[in-house]
Structure formats: C-alpha cells, structure tokens
Amino acid sequence: MNGEFITSVPGLHTERLTLREYRREDFDAFAAHLADPVSAAHLVPADRQAAWRIFCSQAGLWLIHGAGWWTVEEKQTGRVVGNVGAFFREDSTVMELGWNTYRAFWGRGFANEAAAAALHHALAIRREPKVRAVIARANESSLRVARRLGLSYEADTEIYGKAVGIYTRERGG
C-alpha cells in the first residue's frame, strides 16, 4: 500500500457545461475572481493567499462531507467559467447551493445551468430533504437564479458581517 488517499468527485454534465473536480490549473482564474472587486462584490474579497485557502477548503469539503464544489467548464471550449457547489457549512445539516460565474462569462446563463445541475444532484441523486442558498440582498443576478431554481425566501441572517437572505427548496417542492 502506498498510503495514497483518493476520493471521488462526481462529474455532472449539462448541455453546455461539465462540472468537475477542482484542479491546480483552475486556481489562477479562481484567485482573479476573488481579487476582482466587481466579481467579488457579494462574496468575501480575497488576496491570492486567502484565495488559495478558500480554493483548497472548497476542494477538501468532498473529503469531509462527500459533497462540495465543482469547477464549471464550458464543453465547447474547455474554458473554466466559474464554480458551483452543493455543500454543508460546519454548523448546518441543510445542504447549501452556491454559484459563481467569472465576470468574462456573465450574462450567458452558465450560473442557471450549473446551479440547476447541482440542485438536481442534491435533491434527486443525494436525496437531500432540503437545500438552501444564502444570497446578499443586493445580488440581483443570484436572486434571479434562485427564483428560476424554485427557491423561496425563508429568513434573513448574517454571514461574514453581511446581511443575507436564506432561500430554500424542499425535495418534491
């Protein structure tokens, strides 16, 4: 035995996208996204060191929970267009959905398509009873995605010092 530990990240496919595991070569685009004040306006902006910690911790969620984040790749070009997740926060038993499209790819419907695949994975494949998304009130584009996914407003809360809404959907709902 060589001591190698391997975990599997399920690959998901849509008409235009492949959702796959994080790879080292994905990091530069990820870090640029978090360093861009426009792209990261509704996230926690991060310098390259902080972005690396976030990137690795998102990838590592698969080891802890068997759920986590995917890199979103455009099938036609192979370009990385963003990230989508179906994951658990430390203090939650409800699976959370998250999505980020890199700014060069905004307005093409990639967030809708990737988030719909992650939602299907959470509800139909994993059979989670409920999913949630936490979205900043001013993040109109993510609020539109949540509505398209059938998520409904449940409550307000705060994450990283920012007011956010919790939007949920139950399996079968």
Protein backbone atom coordinates (compact mmCIF):
# COMPACT_ATOMS: atom_id res chain seq x y z
CA MET A 1 0.00 0.00 0.00
CA ASN A 2 1.41 3.39 -0.98
CA GLY A 3 -0.59 5.47 1.51
CA GLU A 4 -2.37 7.32 -1.29
CA PHE A 5 -5.85 8.51 -0.32
CA ILE A 6 -8.27 9.04 -3.17
CA THR A 7 -11.78 10.40 -3.10
CA SER A 8 -14.17 10.72 -5.98
CA VAL A 9 -15.93 13.89 -7.06
CA PRO A 10 -18.93 13.05 -9.23
CA GLY A 11 -18.81 14.64 -12.66
CA LEU A 12 -22.03 16.30 -13.78
CA HIS A 13 -22.93 17.27 -17.33
CA THR A 14 -25.41 19.68 -18.85
CA GLU A 15 -25.97 20.67 -22.44
CA ARG A 16 -23.11 23.19 -22.41
CA LEU A 17 -21.18 22.51 -19.22
CA THR A 18 -19.10 19.95 -17.36
CA LEU A 19 -18.99 20.17 -13.57
CA ARG A 20 -15.80 18.52 -12.39
CA GLU A 21 -13.28 18.39 -9.54
CA TYR A 22 -11.03 21.34 -8.77
CA ARG A 23 -7.58 21.12 -10.38
CA ARG A 24 -4.41 23.07 -9.61
CA GLU A 25 -4.58 24.76 -13.03
CA ASP A 26 -8.01 26.20 -12.13
CA PHE A 27 -6.58 28.32 -9.34
CA ASP A 28 -5.39 31.39 -11.26
CA ALA A 29 -8.90 32.12 -12.58
CA PHE A 30 -10.38 31.42 -9.13
CA ALA A 31 -7.93 33.82 -7.44
CA ALA A 32 -8.53 36.51 -10.07
CA HIS A 33 -12.28 36.21 -9.49
CA LEU A 34 -11.92 36.73 -5.73
CA ALA A 35 -9.47 39.61 -6.20
CA ASP A 36 -11.78 41.46 -8.62
CA PRO A 37 -13.91 43.91 -6.58
CA VAL A 38 -16.73 43.76 -9.17
CA SER A 39 -16.83 39.96 -9.36
CA ALA A 40 -16.46 39.53 -5.61
CA ALA A 41 -18.86 42.32 -4.63
CA HIS A 42 -21.24 39.84 -2.97
CA LEU A 43 -18.53 37.47 -1.74
CA VAL A 44 -15.66 37.95 0.62
CA PRO A 45 -12.92 39.59 -1.50
CA ALA A 46 -9.61 37.78 -1.06
CA ASP A 47 -5.97 38.26 -1.93
CA ARG A 48 -4.11 35.37 -3.55
CA GLN A 49 -3.11 33.74 -0.22
CA ALA A 50 -6.65 33.83 1.13
CA ALA A 51 -7.98 32.63 -2.24
CA TRP A 52 -5.68 29.61 -2.03
CA ARG A 53 -7.05 28.71 1.41
CA ILE A 54 -10.63 29.05 0.14
CA PHE A 55 -9.88 27.04 -3.01
CA CYS A 56 -8.31 24.21 -1.02
CA SER A 57 -11.00 24.18 1.64
CA GLN A 58 -13.75 24.05 -1.01
CA ALA A 59 -11.98 21.15 -2.72
CA GLY A 60 -11.49 19.45 0.66
CA LEU A 61 -15.19 19.50 1.52
CA TRP A 62 -15.55 16.36 -0.61
CA LEU A 63 -13.34 14.52 1.91
CA ILE A 64 -15.27 15.76 4.93
CA HIS A 65 -18.88 15.52 3.73
CA GLY A 66 -18.86 13.74 0.38
CA ALA A 67 -20.23 17.00 -1.02
CA GLY A 68 -18.53 20.18 -2.13
CA TRP A 69 -17.70 22.47 -5.02
CA TRP A 70 -17.17 21.81 -8.70
CA THR A 71 -15.23 23.73 -11.32
CA VAL A 72 -17.61 24.67 -14.14
CA GLU A 73 -16.10 24.15 -17.56
CA GLU A 74 -17.64 25.07 -20.91
CA LYS A 75 -17.77 21.88 -23.00
CA GLN A 76 -17.29 23.57 -26.36
CA THR A 77 -14.12 25.45 -25.44
CA GLY A 78 -12.80 23.77 -22.29
CA ARG A 79 -12.65 27.19 -20.60
CA VAL A 80 -13.34 27.41 -16.87
CA VAL A 81 -16.32 29.74 -16.45
CA GLY A 82 -16.91 29.55 -12.69
CA ASN A 83 -17.71 27.30 -9.74
CA VAL A 84 -20.83 25.73 -8.30
CA GLY A 85 -21.31 23.93 -5.01
CA ALA A 86 -23.68 21.67 -3.15
CA PHE A 87 -22.04 21.53 0.27
CA PHE A 88 -22.51 21.77 4.02
CA ARG A 89 -21.31 24.55 6.28
CA GLU A 90 -19.82 23.47 9.59
CA ASP A 91 -22.92 24.33 11.63
CA SER A 92 -25.62 23.20 9.21
CA THR A 93 -27.35 19.94 8.38
CA VAL A 94 -29.02 21.53 5.35
CA MET A 95 -27.13 21.29 2.07
CA GLU A 96 -26.27 24.68 0.64
CA LEU A 97 -26.03 25.64 -3.01
CA GLY A 98 -23.60 28.26 -4.21
CA TRP A 99 -22.62 29.53 -7.65
CA ASN A 100 -20.09 31.92 -9.11
CA THR A 101 -19.59 32.79 -12.75
CA TYR A 102 -16.37 34.55 -13.65
CA ARG A 103 -17.02 38.05 -14.96
CA ALA A 104 -15.92 37.38 -18.56
CA PHE A 105 -18.77 34.85 -18.76
CA TRP A 106 -21.61 36.80 -17.13
CA GLY A 107 -24.92 37.01 -18.96
CA ARG A 108 -24.69 33.66 -20.75
CA GLY A 109 -26.88 31.60 -18.40
CA PHE A 110 -23.99 29.50 -17.08
CA ALA A 111 -24.94 30.11 -13.44
CA ASN A 112 -28.51 28.94 -14.07
CA GLU A 113 -27.38 25.84 -15.90
CA ALA A 114 -24.68 24.85 -13.41
CA ALA A 115 -26.81 25.58 -10.35
CA ALA A 116 -29.71 23.56 -11.80
CA ALA A 117 -27.35 20.58 -12.20
CA ALA A 118 -26.11 20.96 -8.62
CA LEU A 119 -29.70 21.24 -7.37
CA HIS A 120 -30.70 18.09 -9.25
CA HIS A 121 -27.70 16.28 -7.78
CA ALA A 122 -28.64 17.39 -4.26
CA LEU A 123 -32.35 16.57 -4.42
CA ALA A 124 -32.63 13.68 -6.89
CA ILE A 125 -29.30 11.87 -6.52
CA ARG A 126 -28.31 12.55 -2.89
CA ARG A 127 -31.97 12.71 -1.83
CA GLU A 128 -31.38 15.68 0.46
CA PRO A 129 -34.70 16.69 2.07
CA LYS A 130 -33.99 20.40 1.70
CA VAL A 131 -31.45 22.75 0.15
CA ARG A 132 -30.72 26.38 0.81
CA ALA A 133 -28.82 29.26 -0.72
CA VAL A 134 -27.65 32.34 1.15
CA ILE A 135 -27.72 35.42 -1.04
CA ALA A 136 -26.91 39.06 -0.37
CA ARG A 137 -29.97 41.26 -0.77
CA ALA A 138 -28.26 43.37 -3.43
CA ASN A 139 -27.19 40.38 -5.53
CA GLU A 140 -29.96 40.60 -8.12
CA SER A 141 -28.40 38.12 -10.54
CA SER A 142 -28.14 35.38 -7.88
CA LEU A 143 -31.65 36.16 -6.67
CA ARG A 144 -32.88 35.57 -10.25
CA VAL A 145 -31.05 32.24 -10.36
CA ALA A 146 -32.61 31.24 -7.03
CA ARG A 147 -36.11 32.07 -8.32
CA ARG A 148 -35.50 30.06 -11.50
CA LEU A 149 -34.44 27.12 -9.34
CA GLY A 150 -37.67 27.35 -7.35
CA LEU A 151 -36.03 28.50 -4.11
CA SER A 152 -38.23 30.61 -1.84
CA TYR A 153 -37.27 33.23 0.72
CA GLU A 154 -37.24 31.80 4.24
CA ALA A 155 -35.44 34.24 6.55
CA ASP A 156 -32.68 36.80 6.95
CA THR A 157 -29.34 36.07 8.57
CA GLU A 158 -25.79 37.37 8.53
CA ILE A 159 -22.65 35.77 7.09
CA TYR A 160 -19.19 37.34 7.33
CA GLY A 161 -20.80 40.53 8.62
CA LYS A 162 -23.11 40.86 5.61
CA ALA A 163 -26.89 40.68 5.69
CA VAL A 164 -28.13 37.83 3.50
CA GLY A 165 -31.39 36.09 2.80
CA ILE A 166 -31.87 32.36 3.13
CA TYR A 167 -33.70 30.81 0.19
CA THR A 168 -34.83 27.19 0.36
CA ARG A 169 -36.44 24.41 -1.58
CA GLU A 170 -37.59 21.04 -0.33
CA ARG A 171 -37.35 17.81 -2.28
CA GLY A 172 -40.55 17.35 -4.22
CA GLY A 173 -41.26 21.09 -3.94
